[in-house]
N, C-alpha and C. Protein backbone atom coordinates (compact mmCIF):
# COMPACT_ATOMS: atom_id res chain seq x y z
N MET A 1 116.21 101.71 99.46
CA MET A 1 115.34 101.57 98.31
C MET A 1 116.21 101.35 97.07
N SER A 2 115.78 100.42 96.25
CA SER A 2 116.49 100.09 95.03
C SER A 2 115.58 100.32 93.83
N ARG A 3 116.21 100.51 92.69
CA ARG A 3 115.46 100.69 91.45
C ARG A 3 115.58 99.41 90.63
N PHE A 4 114.44 98.89 90.19
CA PHE A 4 114.40 97.67 89.39
C PHE A 4 113.78 97.98 88.03
N ALA A 5 114.44 97.54 86.97
CA ALA A 5 113.90 97.66 85.62
C ALA A 5 113.27 96.33 85.24
N VAL A 6 112.09 96.39 84.69
CA VAL A 6 111.34 95.18 84.34
C VAL A 6 110.96 95.24 82.87
N THR A 7 111.22 94.15 82.15
CA THR A 7 110.78 94.04 80.77
C THR A 7 109.87 92.83 80.65
N GLY A 8 108.92 92.92 79.75
CA GLY A 8 108.00 91.81 79.57
C GLY A 8 107.05 92.05 78.42
N ARG A 9 106.01 91.21 78.35
CA ARG A 9 105.03 91.29 77.28
C ARG A 9 103.63 91.29 77.88
N VAL A 10 102.73 92.00 77.18
CA VAL A 10 101.34 92.08 77.60
C VAL A 10 100.48 91.62 76.43
N THR A 11 99.49 90.78 76.69
CA THR A 11 98.59 90.33 75.64
C THR A 11 97.81 91.53 75.12
N ASP A 12 97.79 91.66 73.80
CA ASP A 12 97.12 92.75 73.13
C ASP A 12 96.11 92.14 72.15
N TYR A 13 95.32 92.95 71.50
CA TYR A 13 94.37 92.43 70.53
C TYR A 13 95.08 91.74 69.36
N ASP A 14 96.27 92.21 69.02
CA ASP A 14 97.03 91.67 67.89
C ASP A 14 98.06 90.63 68.31
N GLY A 15 98.05 90.18 69.52
CA GLY A 15 99.05 89.23 70.01
C GLY A 15 99.68 89.77 71.28
N PHE A 16 101.00 89.92 71.26
CA PHE A 16 101.71 90.44 72.42
C PHE A 16 102.32 91.80 72.10
N ALA A 17 102.35 92.68 73.07
CA ALA A 17 103.00 93.98 72.94
C ALA A 17 104.10 94.05 74.00
N ALA A 18 105.29 94.47 73.59
CA ALA A 18 106.42 94.57 74.52
C ALA A 18 106.23 95.78 75.43
N ARG A 19 106.61 95.64 76.68
CA ARG A 19 106.53 96.72 77.66
C ARG A 19 107.80 96.74 78.49
N GLU A 20 108.18 97.93 78.92
CA GLU A 20 109.32 98.09 79.82
C GLU A 20 108.98 99.19 80.81
N THR A 21 109.26 98.96 82.08
CA THR A 21 108.97 99.95 83.10
C THR A 21 109.96 99.77 84.25
N ALA A 22 109.93 100.68 85.19
CA ALA A 22 110.83 100.62 86.35
C ALA A 22 110.05 100.93 87.61
N ALA A 23 110.56 100.44 88.73
CA ALA A 23 109.93 100.67 90.03
C ALA A 23 111.02 100.86 91.08
N VAL A 24 110.79 101.77 92.00
CA VAL A 24 111.71 101.99 93.12
C VAL A 24 111.06 101.36 94.35
N THR A 25 111.67 100.27 94.84
CA THR A 25 111.08 99.52 95.95
C THR A 25 112.16 98.97 96.87
N GLU A 26 111.72 98.31 97.93
CA GLU A 26 112.62 97.73 98.92
C GLU A 26 113.35 96.51 98.39
N ASN A 27 112.64 95.67 97.61
CA ASN A 27 113.26 94.45 97.09
C ASN A 27 112.60 94.04 95.77
N GLU A 28 113.12 92.97 95.18
CA GLU A 28 112.66 92.53 93.86
C GLU A 28 111.21 92.06 93.85
N SER A 29 110.78 91.35 94.86
CA SER A 29 109.41 90.82 94.86
C SER A 29 108.38 91.94 94.98
N VAL A 30 108.68 92.96 95.76
CA VAL A 30 107.77 94.11 95.87
C VAL A 30 107.75 94.87 94.55
N GLY A 31 108.90 94.99 93.91
CA GLY A 31 108.98 95.64 92.60
C GLY A 31 108.16 94.91 91.56
N ARG A 32 108.22 93.59 91.59
CA ARG A 32 107.45 92.76 90.66
C ARG A 32 105.95 93.01 90.85
N GLU A 33 105.48 93.03 92.09
CA GLU A 33 104.07 93.26 92.37
C GLU A 33 103.63 94.65 91.95
N ARG A 34 104.46 95.66 92.19
CA ARG A 34 104.11 97.03 91.79
C ARG A 34 103.99 97.15 90.28
N VAL A 35 104.93 96.53 89.57
CA VAL A 35 104.89 96.59 88.11
C VAL A 35 103.65 95.86 87.58
N LEU A 36 103.33 94.70 88.13
CA LEU A 36 102.14 93.98 87.69
C LEU A 36 100.88 94.81 87.91
N SER A 37 100.74 95.42 89.07
CA SER A 37 99.54 96.21 89.34
C SER A 37 99.50 97.47 88.47
N ARG A 38 100.66 98.07 88.19
CA ARG A 38 100.72 99.25 87.33
C ARG A 38 100.31 98.89 85.90
N LEU A 39 100.81 97.77 85.39
CA LEU A 39 100.44 97.35 84.03
C LEU A 39 98.97 96.97 83.95
N GLU A 40 98.44 96.35 84.99
CA GLU A 40 97.01 96.02 85.01
C GLU A 40 96.15 97.27 84.91
N SER A 41 96.52 98.30 85.66
CA SER A 41 95.70 99.50 85.68
C SER A 41 95.87 100.33 84.40
N ARG A 42 97.04 100.33 83.81
CA ARG A 42 97.27 101.13 82.60
C ARG A 42 96.82 100.44 81.33
N CYS A 43 97.12 99.17 81.19
CA CYS A 43 96.89 98.45 79.93
C CYS A 43 95.59 97.65 79.93
N GLY A 44 95.08 97.29 81.10
CA GLY A 44 93.82 96.58 81.18
C GLY A 44 93.86 95.07 81.27
N PRO A 45 94.97 94.39 80.98
CA PRO A 45 94.95 92.92 81.05
C PRO A 45 95.00 92.41 82.48
N LYS A 46 94.61 91.16 82.66
CA LYS A 46 94.74 90.50 83.95
C LYS A 46 96.17 90.01 84.11
N ARG A 47 96.54 89.63 85.31
CA ARG A 47 97.91 89.17 85.58
C ARG A 47 98.30 87.96 84.74
N ARG A 48 97.35 87.11 84.44
CA ARG A 48 97.68 85.92 83.64
C ARG A 48 98.01 86.28 82.19
N GLN A 49 97.70 87.51 81.77
CA GLN A 49 98.00 87.97 80.41
C GLN A 49 99.29 88.78 80.35
N ILE A 50 100.00 88.89 81.46
CA ILE A 50 101.25 89.64 81.53
C ILE A 50 102.39 88.65 81.77
N GLU A 51 103.41 88.71 80.94
CA GLU A 51 104.58 87.85 81.09
C GLU A 51 105.79 88.73 81.38
N LEU A 52 106.33 88.66 82.59
CA LEU A 52 107.54 89.40 82.93
C LEU A 52 108.73 88.55 82.54
N GLU A 53 109.64 89.12 81.74
CA GLU A 53 110.76 88.35 81.22
C GLU A 53 112.04 88.58 82.01
N ASP A 54 112.28 89.81 82.44
CA ASP A 54 113.55 90.11 83.08
C ASP A 54 113.36 91.19 84.13
N ILE A 55 113.94 90.98 85.30
CA ILE A 55 113.92 91.97 86.38
C ILE A 55 115.38 92.20 86.78
N THR A 56 115.86 93.43 86.59
CA THR A 56 117.25 93.73 86.91
C THR A 56 117.33 94.93 87.84
N GLN A 57 118.26 94.88 88.75
CA GLN A 57 118.48 95.99 89.67
C GLN A 57 119.40 97.00 89.00
N GLN A 58 119.04 98.27 89.11
CA GLN A 58 119.85 99.33 88.50
C GLN A 58 120.60 100.09 89.54
């Protein structure tokens, strides 16, 4: 299991809001999906309103 840090932007009422989170997963693609689903459930936007900018392994 690896830890991936993800930074990106989420559409907000005032434009975009910066977000940063991390996920412990088997690989980068699974980490990306977990982060997208986590941001959807916490912040409320759809996937098309989330822009992931950087995914790095820690």
